[in-house]
Amino acid sequence: MKSVSIAKLEEIAKNTRRLILEAVAEAGSGHPGGSLSAVELLVTLYFYKMRHDPKNPKWEDRDRFILSKGHAAPLLYSILAQAGYFPINELKTLRKLGSRLQGHPDFRTPGIEYCGGSEGIGLSVGVGMALGAKLDKKDFRTYVLLGDGELQEGQVWEAAMAAVKFKLDNLTA
């Protein structure tokens, strides 16, 4: 874990909320509610818990983060920008034609592990990443953020049962 004060995490969270609202307002569309609902979770993961390197986004031993509720992309983009994956001023291009910051995560954006679209798939992808890590004897963790609506999808529960079956103690949903 990284050494960072609660006050610093609170400051990052406050800034994240501002960046989300500014980006969505500039775009004229988006999902601020879904993004604002998980600010503290992502601030804690990216600035306290997860192992990652903005200068080397494909580092083999990095922890993985999957945004299964892809409509909360403004949140993930705001976190990645503050962490140094790309310039903060790029957030103003959210949902614009030609931008790498689209309405759902896009692989063109540094730090994106999964291009979410249909809800309910993210946990299955996370199970695959966590199982792959076990098979390859890697010690990275996989984190998956799910939305409340997708928890009713059968695929989510099948993925959860698979995680138990394969003893994926390197997966957090």
Foldseek 3Di string as FASTA:
>chain_A
DDDDDPVVLVVLLVVLLVLLVLLCVLLVHADSVVQNVCSSVLSCCLVPNWAADLVCLVPPQTAAEAELVFSNLSNVVSSSCVSPNDPSVLSSCECPPPRCRYSGHDPVRRNHDDGHDDHQCRLVVQLVVLVVCVVVVHQHAYEYDHDPVNVPPPSNVVSVVVCVVSVSPRYHD
